Amino acid sequence: MCASAVLADGDAMVIPQIDMTPQDGIIAVEARALGMGAGRVTATLTIEKSDGGGTISTSQSRDITLTQGSDDLVASTSFSVQPDLALTATLTMVSDGVVVASSTVSIADN
């Protein structure tokens, strides 16, 4: 599993968090916005998955009002797992039309 997070310059108001959990032939994906200060963001989780069963792309988003210490669920979903899995999830936080933070997690069955 590979994870990376990028925060924009200046004071961070949010940390994007993506968790992937394997469970009996599926992978559960959960995305959260962790508030580091006050503000409002549009959080979007985009997932691309391909494996022996085919290819899918999906995205979910919501507006979130952040406060210091807040922990908001952006989206959660799960996928069946087949051989030759490649899955990438990206969580992007946008405030006033500017990307203020993003995180990407990728896994591959090599």
C-alpha atoms as a PDB file:
ATOM      1  CA  MET A   1       0.000   0.000   0.000  1.00  0.00           C
ATOM      2  CA  CYS A   2       1.275   3.468  -0.891  1.00  0.00           C
ATOM      3  CA  ALA A   3       0.007   6.660   0.746  1.00  0.00           C
ATOM      4  CA  SER A   4       0.805  10.307   0.234  1.00  0.00           C
ATOM      5  CA  ALA A   5      -0.688  13.561   1.446  1.00  0.00           C
ATOM      6  CA  VAL A   6      -0.121  17.028   0.055  1.00  0.00           C
ATOM      7  CA  LEU A   7      -1.086  20.185   1.941  1.00  0.00           C
ATOM      8  CA  ALA A   8      -1.172  23.608   0.287  1.00  0.00           C
ATOM      9  CA  ASP A   9       1.125  26.395   1.478  1.00  0.00           C
ATOM     10  CA  GLY A  10       0.021  28.329   4.537  1.00  0.00           C
ATOM     11  CA  ASP A  11      -1.862  27.180   7.592  1.00  0.00           C
ATOM     12  CA  ALA A  12      -3.389  23.736   7.180  1.00  0.00           C
ATOM     13  CA  MET A  13      -7.120  23.720   7.992  1.00  0.00           C
ATOM     14  CA  VAL A  14      -7.725  20.059   7.121  1.00  0.00           C
ATOM     15  CA  ILE A  15      -5.933  16.735   6.867  1.00  0.00           C
ATOM     16  CA  PRO A  16      -7.385  14.249   4.355  1.00  0.00           C
ATOM     17  CA  GLN A  17      -7.413  10.639   5.603  1.00  0.00           C
ATOM     18  CA  ILE A  18      -8.093   7.480   3.573  1.00  0.00           C
ATOM     19  CA  ASP A  19      -8.338   4.040   5.194  1.00  0.00           C
ATOM     20  CA  MET A  20      -8.515   0.754   3.263  1.00  0.00           C
ATOM     21  CA  THR A  21      -9.411  -2.408   5.171  1.00  0.00           C
ATOM     22  CA  PRO A  22      -9.471  -5.913   3.657  1.00  0.00           C
ATOM     23  CA  GLN A  23     -12.417  -8.070   4.803  1.00  0.00           C
ATOM     24  CA  ASP A  24     -13.159 -11.560   3.425  1.00  0.00           C
ATOM     25  CA  GLY A  25     -12.817 -10.918  -0.303  1.00  0.00           C
ATOM     26  CA  ILE A  26     -13.663  -7.217  -0.203  1.00  0.00           C
ATOM     27  CA  ILE A  27     -11.835  -3.964   0.492  1.00  0.00           C
ATOM     28  CA  ALA A  28     -13.620  -1.314   2.537  1.00  0.00           C
ATOM     29  CA  VAL A  29     -12.615   2.299   1.793  1.00  0.00           C
ATOM     30  CA  GLU A  30     -13.344   5.161   4.184  1.00  0.00           C
ATOM     31  CA  ALA A  31     -12.389   8.820   3.691  1.00  0.00           C
ATOM     32  CA  ARG A  32     -12.376  11.439   6.458  1.00  0.00           C
ATOM     33  CA  ALA A  33     -11.653  15.154   6.833  1.00  0.00           C
ATOM     34  CA  LEU A  34      -9.728  15.943  10.028  1.00  0.00           C
ATOM     35  CA  GLY A  35     -10.134  19.595  11.030  1.00  0.00           C
ATOM     36  CA  MET A  36      -7.018  21.532  11.990  1.00  0.00           C
ATOM     37  CA  GLY A  37      -8.780  24.893  12.081  1.00  0.00           C
ATOM     38  CA  ALA A  38     -11.972  26.662  11.081  1.00  0.00           C
ATOM     39  CA  GLY A  39     -13.081  26.714   7.465  1.00  0.00           C
ATOM     40  CA  ARG A  40     -15.278  25.184   4.819  1.00  0.00           C
ATOM     41  CA  VAL A  41     -14.205  22.659   2.174  1.00  0.00           C
ATOM     42  CA  THR A  42     -15.727  20.545  -0.534  1.00  0.00           C
ATOM     43  CA  ALA A  43     -14.259  17.082  -0.029  1.00  0.00           C
ATOM     44  CA  THR A  44     -14.250  14.647  -2.976  1.00  0.00           C
ATOM     45  CA  LEU A  45     -13.263  10.974  -2.860  1.00  0.00           C
ATOM     46  CA  THR A  46     -12.453   9.535  -6.296  1.00  0.00           C
ATOM     47  CA  ILE A  47     -11.790   5.804  -6.691  1.00  0.00           C
ATOM     48  CA  GLU A  48     -10.532   3.868  -9.702  1.00  0.00           C
ATOM     49  CA  LYS A  49     -10.436   0.069  -9.490  1.00  0.00           C
ATOM     50  CA  SER A  50      -9.564  -2.616 -11.989  1.00  0.00           C
ATOM     51  CA  ASP A  51      -9.136  -6.348 -11.542  1.00  0.00           C
ATOM     52  CA  GLY A  52     -10.096  -9.647 -13.176  1.00  0.00           C
ATOM     53  CA  GLY A  53     -13.762  -8.693 -12.780  1.00  0.00           C
ATOM     54  CA  GLY A  54     -13.524  -5.428 -14.749  1.00  0.00           C
ATOM     55  CA  THR A  55     -12.987  -1.713 -14.214  1.00  0.00           C
ATOM     56  CA  ILE A  56     -14.974   0.890 -12.285  1.00  0.00           C
ATOM     57  CA  SER A  57     -14.621   4.568 -11.439  1.00  0.00           C
ATOM     58  CA  THR A  58     -16.678   6.358  -8.815  1.00  0.00           C
ATOM     59  CA  SER A  59     -16.646   9.585  -6.844  1.00  0.00           C
ATOM     60  CA  GLN A  60     -18.521  10.982  -3.866  1.00  0.00           C
ATOM     61  CA  SER A  61     -18.338  14.491  -2.457  1.00  0.00           C
ATOM     62  CA  ARG A  62     -19.811  16.687   0.253  1.00  0.00           C
ATOM     63  CA  ASP A  63     -19.409  20.145   1.749  1.00  0.00           C
ATOM     64  CA  ILE A  64     -17.927  20.169   5.243  1.00  0.00           C
ATOM     65  CA  THR A  65     -17.650  22.932   7.838  1.00  0.00           C
ATOM     66  CA  LEU A  66     -14.429  22.341   9.759  1.00  0.00           C
ATOM     67  CA  THR A  67     -13.495  23.210  13.313  1.00  0.00           C
ATOM     68  CA  GLN A  68     -10.341  22.518  15.312  1.00  0.00           C
ATOM     69  CA  GLY A  69     -10.367  18.786  16.136  1.00  0.00           C
ATOM     70  CA  SER A  70     -13.379  17.889  13.961  1.00  0.00           C
ATOM     71  CA  ASP A  71     -13.505  14.448  12.324  1.00  0.00           C
ATOM     72  CA  ASP A  72     -16.005  14.207   9.453  1.00  0.00           C
ATOM     73  CA  LEU A  73     -16.833  11.206   7.301  1.00  0.00           C
ATOM     74  CA  VAL A  74     -16.600  12.163   3.619  1.00  0.00           C
ATOM     75  CA  ALA A  75     -17.537   8.794   2.105  1.00  0.00           C
ATOM     76  CA  SER A  76     -17.358   5.051   2.642  1.00  0.00           C
ATOM     77  CA  THR A  77     -17.788   2.157   0.245  1.00  0.00           C
ATOM     78  CA  SER A  78     -16.558  -1.375  -0.377  1.00  0.00           C
ATOM     79  CA  PHE A  79     -15.499  -3.417  -3.402  1.00  0.00           C
ATOM     80  CA  SER A  80     -15.167  -7.104  -4.145  1.00  0.00           C
ATOM     81  CA  VAL A  81     -11.602  -8.183  -4.830  1.00  0.00           C
ATOM     82  CA  GLN A  82     -10.525 -10.300  -7.809  1.00  0.00           C
ATOM     83  CA  PRO A  83      -7.022 -11.311  -8.966  1.00  0.00           C
ATOM     84  CA  ASP A  84      -4.895  -8.594 -10.633  1.00  0.00           C
ATOM     85  CA  LEU A  85      -6.312  -5.839  -8.400  1.00  0.00           C
ATOM     86  CA  ALA A  86      -5.255  -2.222  -8.903  1.00  0.00           C
ATOM     87  CA  LEU A  87      -7.075   0.354  -6.760  1.00  0.00           C
ATOM     88  CA  THR A  88      -6.381   4.064  -6.315  1.00  0.00           C
ATOM     89  CA  ALA A  89      -8.342   6.369  -4.000  1.00  0.00           C
ATOM     90  CA  THR A  90      -7.782  10.131  -3.991  1.00  0.00           C
ATOM     91  CA  LEU A  91      -9.328  12.499  -1.444  1.00  0.00           C
ATOM     92  CA  THR A  92      -9.226  16.162  -2.473  1.00  0.00           C
ATOM     93  CA  MET A  93     -10.177  19.155  -0.315  1.00  0.00           C
ATOM     94  CA  VAL A  94     -11.155  22.390  -2.105  1.00  0.00           C
ATOM     95  CA  SER A  95     -11.803  25.735  -0.413  1.00  0.00           C
ATOM     96  CA  ASP A  96     -12.832  28.842  -2.387  1.00  0.00           C
ATOM     97  CA  GLY A  97     -11.930  27.081  -5.654  1.00  0.00           C
ATOM     98  CA  VAL A  98      -8.402  26.174  -4.486  1.00  0.00           C
ATOM     99  CA  VAL A  99      -7.122  22.698  -3.622  1.00  0.00           C
ATOM    100  CA  VAL A 100      -5.965  23.046  -0.008  1.00  0.00           C
ATOM    101  CA  ALA A 101      -5.117  19.383   0.658  1.00  0.00           C
ATOM    102  CA  SER A 102      -5.148  15.987  -1.020  1.00  0.00           C
ATOM    103  CA  SER A 103      -4.213  12.417  -0.235  1.00  0.00           C
ATOM    104  CA  THR A 104      -3.830   9.347  -2.441  1.00  0.00           C
ATOM    105  CA  VAL A 105      -3.678   5.666  -1.481  1.00  0.00           C
ATOM    106  CA  SER A 106      -2.882   2.988  -4.072  1.00  0.00           C
ATOM    107  CA  ILE A 107      -2.702  -0.770  -3.845  1.00  0.00           C
ATOM    108  CA  ALA A 108      -1.840  -3.316  -6.515  1.00  0.00           C
ATOM    109  CA  ASP A 109      -1.824  -7.108  -6.647  1.00  0.00           C
ATOM    110  CA  ASN A 110       1.498  -7.666  -8.444  1.00  0.00           C
END
